[in-house]
């Protein structure tokens, strides 16, 4: 009688990986392209602006002190009024980012994030959304995972830059 051993990874786990809790947080900044330079739709109700984020340090489980840099875009739905967390009128927005996390030893994690919220550029916004780990290098080669992102984005300064505090909670498999 022949016996075959089959290894099955948990749902969502990286090949030969183990699902683990993942938590990360840090403070940094968000810089978006000034509104006059964004791409507008035909009736000027939607603006799509380049956006960059940097968080250093970004303290992440399984990584320790790391950096979080990302590039993506911010979509402003100018015809979708809403109330900011402080109760002032604002517009709905969504941010899509391709993120690179770099650990102190140089190992990297890559992820995509999507968050949405209501902002006016003057009072803090509190976007929420998700992250999806898309891979990495070193010990994170082939990593997967997902979870929630909760952030606070401060008012815009004169250069169009906002402070950022962000927290990620979910899972990672590597």
C-alpha atoms as a PDB file:
ATOM      1  CA  UNK A   1       0.000   0.000   0.000  1.00  0.00           C
ATOM      2  CA  UNK A   2       1.439   3.362  -1.000  1.00  0.00           C
ATOM      3  CA  UNK A   3       0.820   6.424   1.149  1.00  0.00           C
ATOM      4  CA  UNK A   4       1.138   9.927  -0.245  1.00  0.00           C
ATOM      5  CA  UNK A   5       1.636  12.986   1.949  1.00  0.00           C
ATOM      6  CA  UNK A   6      -0.134  16.095   0.777  1.00  0.00           C
ATOM      7  CA  UNK A   7       0.564  19.519   2.239  1.00  0.00           C
ATOM      8  CA  UNK A   8      -2.299  21.954   2.004  1.00  0.00           C
ATOM      9  CA  UNK A   9      -1.789  25.620   2.865  1.00  0.00           C
ATOM     10  CA  UNK A  10      -4.582  27.380   4.756  1.00  0.00           C
ATOM     11  CA  UNK A  11      -6.964  29.432   2.619  1.00  0.00           C
ATOM     12  CA  UNK A  12      -5.179  32.625   1.630  1.00  0.00           C
ATOM     13  CA  UNK A  13      -1.802  31.400   2.854  1.00  0.00           C
ATOM     14  CA  UNK A  14       1.300  31.690   0.714  1.00  0.00           C
ATOM     15  CA  UNK A  15       2.572  28.443  -0.778  1.00  0.00           C
ATOM     16  CA  UNK A  16       4.247  26.626   2.113  1.00  0.00           C
ATOM     17  CA  UNK A  17       3.459  29.675   4.261  1.00  0.00           C
ATOM     18  CA  UNK A  18       1.762  30.043   7.592  1.00  0.00           C
ATOM     19  CA  UNK A  19      -1.015  32.537   8.339  1.00  0.00           C
ATOM     20  CA  UNK A  20       0.079  34.901  11.087  1.00  0.00           C
ATOM     21  CA  UNK A  21      -1.456  38.008  12.651  1.00  0.00           C
ATOM     22  CA  UNK A  22      -0.099  41.223  11.133  1.00  0.00           C
ATOM     23  CA  UNK A  23      -0.184  44.638  12.770  1.00  0.00           C
ATOM     24  CA  UNK A  24       1.591  47.783  11.650  1.00  0.00           C
ATOM     25  CA  UNK A  25       1.423  51.479  12.445  1.00  0.00           C
ATOM     26  CA  UNK A  26       3.299  54.678  11.867  1.00  0.00           C
ATOM     27  CA  UNK A  27       3.231  58.383  11.195  1.00  0.00           C
ATOM     28  CA  UNK A  28       4.294  60.138   8.019  1.00  0.00           C
ATOM     29  CA  UNK A  29       2.947  62.330   5.274  1.00  0.00           C
ATOM     30  CA  UNK A  30       0.749  62.322   2.175  1.00  0.00           C
ATOM     31  CA  UNK A  31       1.523  64.517  -0.829  1.00  0.00           C
ATOM     32  CA  UNK A  32      -0.997  64.903  -3.638  1.00  0.00           C
ATOM     33  CA  UNK A  33      -0.770  66.663  -6.961  1.00  0.00           C
ATOM     34  CA  UNK A  34      -2.362  70.151  -6.732  1.00  0.00           C
ATOM     35  CA  UNK A  35      -5.990  70.106  -7.929  1.00  0.00           C
ATOM     36  CA  UNK A  36      -5.455  72.354 -10.996  1.00  0.00           C
ATOM     37  CA  UNK A  37      -2.974  69.762 -12.334  1.00  0.00           C
ATOM     38  CA  UNK A  38      -5.170  66.703 -11.781  1.00  0.00           C
ATOM     39  CA  UNK A  39      -6.998  64.865 -14.552  1.00  0.00           C
ATOM     40  CA  UNK A  40     -10.703  65.769 -14.680  1.00  0.00           C
ATOM     41  CA  UNK A  41     -13.554  63.932 -16.316  1.00  0.00           C
ATOM     42  CA  UNK A  42     -15.605  65.617 -19.041  1.00  0.00           C
ATOM     43  CA  UNK A  43     -18.023  67.411 -16.696  1.00  0.00           C
ATOM     44  CA  UNK A  44     -15.407  68.235 -14.010  1.00  0.00           C
ATOM     45  CA  UNK A  45     -17.158  66.161 -11.333  1.00  0.00           C
ATOM     46  CA  UNK A  46     -14.250  63.749 -10.783  1.00  0.00           C
ATOM     47  CA  UNK A  47     -10.570  64.620 -10.379  1.00  0.00           C
ATOM     48  CA  UNK A  48      -7.787  62.025 -10.373  1.00  0.00           C
ATOM     49  CA  UNK A  49      -4.540  63.236  -8.808  1.00  0.00           C
ATOM     50  CA  UNK A  50      -1.149  61.573  -8.366  1.00  0.00           C
ATOM     51  CA  UNK A  51      -0.462  60.827  -4.702  1.00  0.00           C
ATOM     52  CA  UNK A  52       2.601  59.672  -2.742  1.00  0.00           C
ATOM     53  CA  UNK A  53       2.809  58.484   0.850  1.00  0.00           C
ATOM     54  CA  UNK A  54       5.817  58.033   3.121  1.00  0.00           C
ATOM     55  CA  UNK A  55       5.693  56.579   6.631  1.00  0.00           C
ATOM     56  CA  UNK A  56       8.978  56.295   8.527  1.00  0.00           C
ATOM     57  CA  UNK A  57       9.175  54.563  10.866  1.00  0.00           C
ATOM     58  CA  UNK A  58       6.450  52.049  10.096  1.00  0.00           C
ATOM     59  CA  UNK A  59       6.523  49.514  12.928  1.00  0.00           C
ATOM     60  CA  UNK A  60       5.236  46.190  11.603  1.00  0.00           C
ATOM     61  CA  UNK A  61       4.990  42.744  13.151  1.00  0.00           C
ATOM     62  CA  UNK A  62       7.433  40.314  11.474  1.00  0.00           C
ATOM     63  CA  UNK A  63       9.377  43.329  10.139  1.00  0.00           C
ATOM     64  CA  UNK A  64      10.182  45.564  13.096  1.00  0.00           C
ATOM     65  CA  UNK A  65      11.133  49.141  12.303  1.00  0.00           C
ATOM     66  CA  UNK A  66      10.577  49.573   8.577  1.00  0.00           C
ATOM     67  CA  UNK A  67       9.680  52.195   5.997  1.00  0.00           C
ATOM     68  CA  UNK A  68       6.443  52.452   4.038  1.00  0.00           C
ATOM     69  CA  UNK A  69       6.546  54.269   0.703  1.00  0.00           C
ATOM     70  CA  UNK A  70       3.824  54.208  -1.891  1.00  0.00           C
ATOM     71  CA  UNK A  71       2.722  55.694  -5.155  1.00  0.00           C
ATOM     72  CA  UNK A  72      -0.788  55.856  -6.446  1.00  0.00           C
ATOM     73  CA  UNK A  73      -3.647  58.176  -7.072  1.00  0.00           C
ATOM     74  CA  UNK A  74      -6.371  60.038  -5.258  1.00  0.00           C
ATOM     75  CA  UNK A  75      -9.844  60.244  -6.795  1.00  0.00           C
ATOM     76  CA  UNK A  76     -11.974  63.183  -5.670  1.00  0.00           C
ATOM     77  CA  UNK A  77     -15.701  62.827  -6.322  1.00  0.00           C
ATOM     78  CA  UNK A  78     -16.433  66.551  -6.480  1.00  0.00           C
ATOM     79  CA  UNK A  79     -20.171  66.047  -7.009  1.00  0.00           C
ATOM     80  CA  UNK A  80     -20.476  63.797  -3.919  1.00  0.00           C
ATOM     81  CA  UNK A  81     -20.791  66.097  -0.902  1.00  0.00           C
ATOM     82  CA  UNK A  82     -20.365  64.552   2.519  1.00  0.00           C
ATOM     83  CA  UNK A  83     -19.612  65.540   6.095  1.00  0.00           C
ATOM     84  CA  UNK A  84     -16.075  65.167   7.437  1.00  0.00           C
ATOM     85  CA  UNK A  85     -15.570  63.519  10.836  1.00  0.00           C
ATOM     86  CA  UNK A  86     -15.604  67.028  12.368  1.00  0.00           C
ATOM     87  CA  UNK A  87     -18.960  67.772  10.709  1.00  0.00           C
ATOM     88  CA  UNK A  88     -17.757  70.225   8.042  1.00  0.00           C
ATOM     89  CA  UNK A  89     -18.826  69.857   4.390  1.00  0.00           C
ATOM     90  CA  UNK A  90     -16.351  67.938   2.235  1.00  0.00           C
ATOM     91  CA  UNK A  91     -16.090  65.656  -0.784  1.00  0.00           C
ATOM     92  CA  UNK A  92     -15.836  61.895  -1.011  1.00  0.00           C
ATOM     93  CA  UNK A  93     -12.422  60.533  -1.956  1.00  0.00           C
ATOM     94  CA  UNK A  94     -10.703  57.230  -2.639  1.00  0.00           C
ATOM     95  CA  UNK A  95      -6.976  56.520  -2.586  1.00  0.00           C
ATOM     96  CA  UNK A  96      -5.334  53.583  -4.369  1.00  0.00           C
ATOM     97  CA  UNK A  97      -1.667  52.890  -3.537  1.00  0.00           C
ATOM     98  CA  UNK A  98       1.045  50.411  -4.528  1.00  0.00           C
ATOM     99  CA  UNK A  99       3.036  50.073  -1.290  1.00  0.00           C
ATOM    100  CA  UNK A 100       6.575  48.894  -0.589  1.00  0.00           C
ATOM    101  CA  UNK A 101       7.532  48.097   2.994  1.00  0.00           C
ATOM    102  CA  UNK A 102      11.269  47.743   3.630  1.00  0.00           C
ATOM    103  CA  UNK A 103      12.515  46.053   6.815  1.00  0.00           C
ATOM    104  CA  UNK A 104      15.795  47.078   8.464  1.00  0.00           C
ATOM    105  CA  UNK A 105      17.549  44.046   6.912  1.00  0.00           C
ATOM    106  CA  UNK A 106      16.358  45.014   3.396  1.00  0.00           C
ATOM    107  CA  UNK A 107      13.602  42.379   3.029  1.00  0.00           C
ATOM    108  CA  UNK A 108      10.555  43.868   1.335  1.00  0.00           C
ATOM    109  CA  UNK A 109       6.801  43.369   1.369  1.00  0.00           C
ATOM    110  CA  UNK A 110       4.610  44.719  -1.409  1.00  0.00           C
ATOM    111  CA  UNK A 111       0.931  45.482  -0.978  1.00  0.00           C
ATOM    112  CA  UNK A 112      -1.961  47.345  -2.531  1.00  0.00           C
ATOM    113  CA  UNK A 113      -4.169  49.577  -0.407  1.00  0.00           C
ATOM    114  CA  UNK A 114      -7.537  51.140  -1.058  1.00  0.00           C
ATOM    115  CA  UNK A 115      -9.051  53.625   1.381  1.00  0.00           C
ATOM    116  CA  UNK A 116     -11.972  56.031   1.186  1.00  0.00           C
ATOM    117  CA  UNK A 117     -13.374  58.849   3.258  1.00  0.00           C
ATOM    118  CA  UNK A 118     -14.631  62.412   3.308  1.00  0.00           C
ATOM    119  CA  UNK A 119     -12.284  65.387   3.351  1.00  0.00           C
ATOM    120  CA  UNK A 120     -12.218  69.142   3.064  1.00  0.00           C
ATOM    121  CA  UNK A 121      -8.439  69.722   3.148  1.00  0.00           C
ATOM    122  CA  UNK A 122      -8.778  71.802   6.321  1.00  0.00           C
ATOM    123  CA  UNK A 123      -9.978  69.424   9.045  1.00  0.00           C
ATOM    124  CA  UNK A 124      -8.646  65.895   9.643  1.00  0.00           C
ATOM    125  CA  UNK A 125     -10.064  63.111   7.473  1.00  0.00           C
ATOM    126  CA  UNK A 126     -10.370  59.514   8.690  1.00  0.00           C
ATOM    127  CA  UNK A 127     -10.141  57.217   5.663  1.00  0.00           C
ATOM    128  CA  UNK A 128     -10.672  53.483   6.114  1.00  0.00           C
ATOM    129  CA  UNK A 129     -10.105  50.591   3.752  1.00  0.00           C
ATOM    130  CA  UNK A 130      -8.093  47.453   3.110  1.00  0.00           C
ATOM    131  CA  UNK A 131      -4.631  46.181   2.257  1.00  0.00           C
ATOM    132  CA  UNK A 132      -3.708  43.118   0.192  1.00  0.00           C
ATOM    133  CA  UNK A 133      -0.150  41.769   0.377  1.00  0.00           C
ATOM    134  CA  UNK A 134       1.048  40.969  -3.146  1.00  0.00           C
ATOM    135  CA  UNK A 135       4.528  39.533  -2.530  1.00  0.00           C
ATOM    136  CA  UNK A 136       7.957  40.461  -1.339  1.00  0.00           C
ATOM    137  CA  UNK A 137      11.647  39.648  -1.254  1.00  0.00           C
ATOM    138  CA  UNK A 138      13.865  37.695   1.124  1.00  0.00           C
ATOM    139  CA  UNK A 139      11.827  35.873   3.735  1.00  0.00           C
ATOM    140  CA  UNK A 140       8.680  37.549   2.318  1.00  0.00           C
ATOM    141  CA  UNK A 141       9.111  36.097  -1.186  1.00  0.00           C
ATOM    142  CA  UNK A 142       5.639  34.920  -2.219  1.00  0.00           C
ATOM    143  CA  UNK A 143       3.959  36.486   0.829  1.00  0.00           C
ATOM    144  CA  UNK A 144       0.205  36.961   0.872  1.00  0.00           C
ATOM    145  CA  UNK A 145      -2.273  38.416   3.323  1.00  0.00           C
ATOM    146  CA  UNK A 146      -4.919  41.049   3.807  1.00  0.00           C
ATOM    147  CA  UNK A 147      -6.621  43.208   6.375  1.00  0.00           C
ATOM    148  CA  UNK A 148      -7.927  46.601   7.355  1.00  0.00           C
ATOM    149  CA  UNK A 149      -6.378  50.072   7.139  1.00  0.00           C
ATOM    150  CA  UNK A 150      -7.529  52.910   9.420  1.00  0.00           C
ATOM    151  CA  UNK A 151      -5.870  56.309   9.065  1.00  0.00           C
ATOM    152  CA  UNK A 152      -6.079  59.944  10.098  1.00  0.00           C
ATOM    153  CA  UNK A 153      -4.975  62.523   7.522  1.00  0.00           C
ATOM    154  CA  UNK A 154      -4.309  66.040   8.757  1.00  0.00           C
ATOM    155  CA  UNK A 155      -5.077  69.320   7.009  1.00  0.00           C
ATOM    156  CA  UNK A 156      -3.134  70.348   3.902  1.00  0.00           C
ATOM    157  CA  UNK A 157      -0.141  72.606   4.487  1.00  0.00           C
ATOM    158  CA  UNK A 158       0.981  75.355   2.098  1.00  0.00           C
ATOM    159  CA  UNK A 159       2.890  72.832  -0.040  1.00  0.00           C
ATOM    160  CA  UNK A 160      -0.127  70.502  -0.393  1.00  0.00           C
ATOM    161  CA  UNK A 161       1.225  67.967   2.107  1.00  0.00           C
ATOM    162  CA  UNK A 162      -0.786  66.390   4.938  1.00  0.00           C
ATOM    163  CA  UNK A 163       0.308  64.525   8.042  1.00  0.00           C
ATOM    164  CA  UNK A 164      -0.689  60.863   8.204  1.00  0.00           C
ATOM    165  CA  UNK A 165      -1.169  58.372  11.017  1.00  0.00           C
ATOM    166  CA  UNK A 166      -2.014  54.861   9.833  1.00  0.00           C
ATOM    167  CA  UNK A 167      -2.763  51.446  11.360  1.00  0.00           C
ATOM    168  CA  UNK A 168      -2.980  48.089   9.601  1.00  0.00           C
ATOM    169  CA  UNK A 169      -4.447  44.932  11.157  1.00  0.00           C
ATOM    170  CA  UNK A 170      -4.995  41.560   9.530  1.00  0.00           C
ATOM    171  CA  UNK A 171      -2.922  38.587   8.425  1.00  0.00           C
ATOM    172  CA  UNK A 172       0.285  37.770   6.593  1.00  0.00           C
ATOM    173  CA  UNK A 173       1.461  34.427   5.271  1.00  0.00           C
ATOM    174  CA  UNK A 174       5.079  33.704   4.336  1.00  0.00           C
END
